[in-house]
Protein backbone atom coordinates (compact mmCIF):
# COMPACT_ATOMS: atom_id res chain seq x y z
CA MET A 1 142.38 113.40 132.44
CA ASN A 2 142.95 109.74 131.39
CA LEU A 3 140.48 109.19 133.95
CA VAL A 4 137.84 111.38 133.04
CA MET A 5 137.93 110.07 129.71
CA ARG A 6 137.58 106.33 130.90
CA THR A 7 134.67 107.02 133.11
CA PHE A 8 133.26 108.40 129.83
CA LYS A 9 134.24 105.50 127.59
CA ARG A 10 132.35 102.70 129.69
CA PRO A 11 129.08 103.86 129.95
CA ARG A 12 128.49 104.87 126.27
CA PRO A 13 126.27 102.01 125.28
CA PHE A 14 124.09 103.08 128.37
CA PHE A 15 123.81 105.92 126.92
CA LEU A 16 123.26 104.65 123.62
CA PHE A 17 119.94 102.63 125.15
CA GLY A 18 119.12 105.63 126.94
CA GLY A 19 118.80 107.75 124.14
CA PHE A 20 116.82 105.01 121.93
CA ALA A 21 114.48 104.84 124.83
CA VAL A 22 113.96 108.48 124.86
CA LEU A 23 113.42 108.93 120.94
CA PHE A 24 110.70 105.80 120.91
CA ALA A 25 108.60 107.19 123.78
CA ALA A 26 109.06 111.00 121.64
CA PHE A 27 108.15 109.06 118.14
CA VAL A 28 105.14 106.98 120.20
CA ALA A 29 103.51 110.61 121.27
CA VAL A 30 103.99 111.67 118.06
CA LEU A 31 102.45 108.98 116.42
CA LEU A 32 99.59 108.88 118.67
CA ARG A 33 99.31 112.44 118.49
CA VAL A 34 99.03 112.22 114.13
CA LEU A 35 96.80 109.21 114.58
CA PRO A 36 92.81 110.29 114.57
CA GLY A 37 89.58 109.31 116.20
CA GLU A 38 89.20 106.85 118.62
CA ARG A 39 91.91 103.86 118.55
CA ARG A 40 91.89 100.65 118.67
CA PRO A 41 94.67 97.81 119.70
CA PHE A 42 96.17 97.41 116.16
CA ASP A 43 96.53 101.78 115.63
CA TYR A 44 98.82 101.59 119.08
CA MET A 45 100.41 98.41 117.36
CA VAL A 46 101.14 100.46 113.88
CA ALA A 47 102.40 103.63 115.64
CA GLY A 48 104.94 101.05 118.01
CA THR A 49 105.85 99.47 114.76
CA PHE A 50 106.80 103.14 112.69
CA ALA A 51 108.03 104.06 116.12
CA THR A 52 110.72 101.42 116.48
CA ALA A 53 111.66 101.50 112.97
CA LEU A 54 112.78 105.11 113.12
CA ALA A 55 114.22 105.22 116.44
CA LEU A 56 116.17 102.16 115.10
CA ILE A 57 117.22 104.31 111.91
CA VAL A 58 118.52 107.45 113.64
CA VAL A 59 120.53 104.76 116.40
CA PHE A 60 121.74 103.14 112.91
CA ILE A 61 122.91 106.26 112.04
CA VAL A 62 124.81 107.73 115.01
CA VAL A 63 126.47 104.49 115.23
CA ALA A 64 127.65 104.35 112.06
CA ARG A 65 129.17 108.11 112.22
CA HIS A 66 130.94 107.39 115.02
CA ARG A 67 132.82 104.24 113.51
């Protein structure tokens, strides 16, 4: 049992980063669906900025709850 707990405690930062990446991609996909019409580079920048902010807020909440 102790070996299992040590195995799962070590890669937590990798799970956190992987979850952040998946969450970021999901937010970008949703935001690009919401943006109307023909997209310019500025629209992609706005979608990426909002997705980054939302994903960082979610990750901050997850990390704060676990401490």
